[in-house]
Amino acid sequence: MNGSFVKIHYFKEMPKECSVLDCGRFYKLLEYIIGDNQLLGVRSSRGYRPMGIKKMAEIFECSERSVKSFLKKFETLGIIKKANMGEEMWYGVNPLYALKGKYLSQVAFMIFQDELVGEIPDWAIKEYMGAI
């Protein structure tokens, strides 16, 4: 964890399809959001790297197969999303469920714009779209 805070938006309830175990895993991942871009990463000798399935399995103390099942479910529900940043694939956390920092970053908006349209005010969408 890098010392910043993560706001958890309880007004956006977790979908009913999420078990208590799923929710626990999700909330554990929030410790690994880096910067204000909503991406999951781990510190390495070269800075931050994308968090992979192997690392998640280690954190959750489960098999990689269980992690893949969890990710598939959360991607389908729009809570976690894959994002290609340069040549690397990252997992991002939908800011409607947990937002790191005070404000939604441009990067986070770009990653989750499909999920955010209809959820945030039109003026905010125009502001973000104008900055792209």
Protein backbone atom coordinates (compact mmCIF):
# COMPACT_ATOMS: atom_id res chain seq x y z
CA MET A 1 0.00 0.00 0.00
CA ASN A 2 1.34 3.43 -0.81
CA GLY A 3 -0.13 5.47 2.04
CA SER A 4 -2.98 7.18 0.19
CA PHE A 5 -6.63 6.60 0.87
CA VAL A 6 -9.37 4.88 -1.06
CA LYS A 7 -12.96 6.08 -0.79
CA ILE A 8 -15.47 3.28 -0.82
CA HIS A 9 -18.77 4.36 -2.34
CA TYR A 10 -21.40 2.47 -0.42
CA PHE A 11 -24.14 4.11 -2.49
CA LYS A 12 -23.08 1.85 -5.34
CA GLU A 13 -23.87 -1.53 -3.85
CA MET A 14 -22.04 -4.60 -4.94
CA PRO A 15 -24.24 -6.65 -7.29
CA LYS A 16 -26.22 -9.50 -5.75
CA GLU A 17 -24.14 -11.97 -7.78
CA CYS A 18 -21.13 -11.18 -5.56
CA SER A 19 -20.64 -13.50 -2.64
CA VAL A 20 -19.17 -12.42 0.68
CA LEU A 21 -15.89 -14.05 -0.42
CA ASP A 22 -15.96 -12.08 -3.69
CA CYS A 23 -16.50 -8.83 -1.78
CA GLY A 24 -13.68 -9.64 0.61
CA ARG A 25 -11.32 -10.29 -2.27
CA PHE A 26 -12.38 -7.06 -3.97
CA TYR A 27 -11.84 -4.97 -0.85
CA LYS A 28 -8.43 -6.58 -0.32
CA LEU A 29 -7.43 -5.48 -3.85
CA LEU A 30 -8.21 -1.86 -3.02
CA GLU A 31 -4.95 -1.70 -1.05
CA TYR A 32 -3.12 -2.12 -4.36
CA ILE A 33 -4.63 0.76 -6.35
CA ILE A 34 -1.69 2.92 -7.37
CA GLY A 35 -1.77 6.62 -8.06
CA ASP A 36 -5.09 8.14 -9.01
CA ASN A 37 -5.66 6.07 -12.13
CA GLN A 38 -7.55 3.18 -10.47
CA LEU A 39 -5.02 0.58 -11.70
CA LEU A 40 -3.87 -2.36 -9.57
CA GLY A 41 -0.11 -2.64 -9.21
CA VAL A 42 2.74 -3.87 -7.08
CA ARG A 43 6.04 -2.24 -6.29
CA SER A 44 9.11 -3.71 -7.98
CA SER A 45 12.72 -2.71 -8.44
CA ARG A 46 11.61 -0.84 -11.59
CA GLY A 47 8.75 1.09 -9.96
CA TYR A 48 5.18 -0.14 -10.12
CA ARG A 49 4.22 -3.11 -12.27
CA PRO A 50 0.77 -4.44 -13.15
CA MET A 51 -0.68 -6.85 -10.63
CA GLY A 52 -1.08 -10.25 -12.22
CA ILE A 53 -3.11 -13.33 -11.50
CA LYS A 54 -0.23 -15.02 -9.71
CA LYS A 55 0.12 -12.13 -7.25
CA MET A 56 -3.64 -12.03 -6.67
CA ALA A 57 -3.62 -15.76 -5.91
CA GLU A 58 -0.88 -15.14 -3.37
CA ILE A 59 -2.84 -12.28 -1.74
CA PHE A 60 -6.12 -14.22 -1.69
CA GLU A 61 -4.36 -17.44 -0.64
CA CYS A 62 -6.13 -19.39 -3.36
CA SER A 63 -5.47 -20.99 -6.74
CA GLU A 64 -4.89 -19.06 -9.94
CA ARG A 65 -8.00 -20.77 -11.30
CA SER A 66 -10.07 -19.19 -8.49
CA VAL A 67 -8.58 -15.78 -9.29
CA LYS A 68 -9.45 -16.18 -12.99
CA SER A 69 -13.03 -17.06 -12.05
CA PHE A 70 -13.23 -14.03 -9.72
CA LEU A 71 -11.84 -11.69 -12.40
CA LYS A 72 -14.18 -13.04 -15.07
CA LYS A 73 -17.18 -12.42 -12.82
CA PHE A 74 -16.04 -8.92 -11.84
CA GLU A 75 -15.22 -7.99 -15.44
CA THR A 76 -18.68 -9.17 -16.54
CA LEU A 77 -20.25 -7.04 -13.79
CA GLY A 78 -18.18 -3.98 -14.76
CA ILE A 79 -16.41 -3.72 -11.41
CA ILE A 80 -12.92 -4.58 -12.67
CA LYS A 81 -11.68 -3.97 -16.19
CA LYS A 82 -8.59 -4.83 -18.21
CA ALA A 83 -6.74 -1.80 -19.55
CA ASN A 84 -3.82 -1.77 -21.95
CA MET A 85 -1.35 0.90 -20.91
CA GLY A 86 1.53 0.99 -23.34
CA GLU A 87 2.63 -2.59 -23.81
CA GLU A 88 1.31 -3.81 -20.47
CA MET A 89 -2.10 -5.09 -19.43
CA TRP A 90 -3.38 -3.75 -16.12
CA TYR A 91 -6.53 -4.40 -14.11
CA GLY A 92 -8.48 -1.29 -13.11
CA VAL A 93 -11.10 -0.80 -10.40
CA ASN A 94 -14.34 0.92 -11.40
CA PRO A 95 -14.40 4.26 -9.52
CA LEU A 96 -18.14 3.88 -8.91
CA TYR A 97 -17.27 1.17 -6.37
CA ALA A 98 -14.04 2.58 -4.93
CA LEU A 99 -12.22 5.79 -5.79
CA LYS A 100 -8.64 6.46 -4.81
CA GLY A 101 -8.05 10.12 -4.17
CA LYS A 102 -10.46 13.02 -4.15
CA TYR A 103 -11.25 13.26 -7.84
CA LEU A 104 -11.72 11.03 -10.84
CA SER A 105 -8.62 11.19 -13.03
CA GLN A 106 -8.68 11.54 -16.81
CA VAL A 107 -7.09 8.08 -17.16
CA ALA A 108 -9.72 6.46 -14.93
CA PHE A 109 -12.48 8.19 -16.90
CA MET A 110 -11.07 6.93 -20.19
CA ILE A 111 -10.83 3.36 -18.90
CA PHE A 112 -14.34 3.33 -17.40
CA GLN A 113 -16.22 5.81 -19.57
CA ASP A 114 -18.82 3.23 -20.66
CA GLU A 115 -19.60 2.42 -17.03
CA LEU A 116 -19.60 6.09 -15.94
CA VAL A 117 -21.95 7.51 -18.58
CA GLY A 118 -25.36 7.73 -16.96
CA GLU A 119 -23.84 7.56 -13.48
CA ILE A 120 -22.02 10.91 -13.28
CA PRO A 121 -23.43 14.33 -14.24
CA ASP A 122 -23.53 15.32 -17.91
CA TRP A 123 -21.38 18.40 -17.24
CA ALA A 124 -18.62 16.15 -15.85
CA ILE A 125 -18.78 13.85 -18.87
CA LYS A 126 -18.48 16.86 -21.21
CA GLU A 127 -15.50 18.11 -19.19
CA TYR A 128 -13.70 14.76 -19.41
CA MET A 129 -14.60 14.24 -23.07
CA GLY A 130 -13.34 17.73 -23.91
CA ALA A 131 -9.98 16.90 -22.37
CA ILE A 132 -9.49 13.76 -24.49
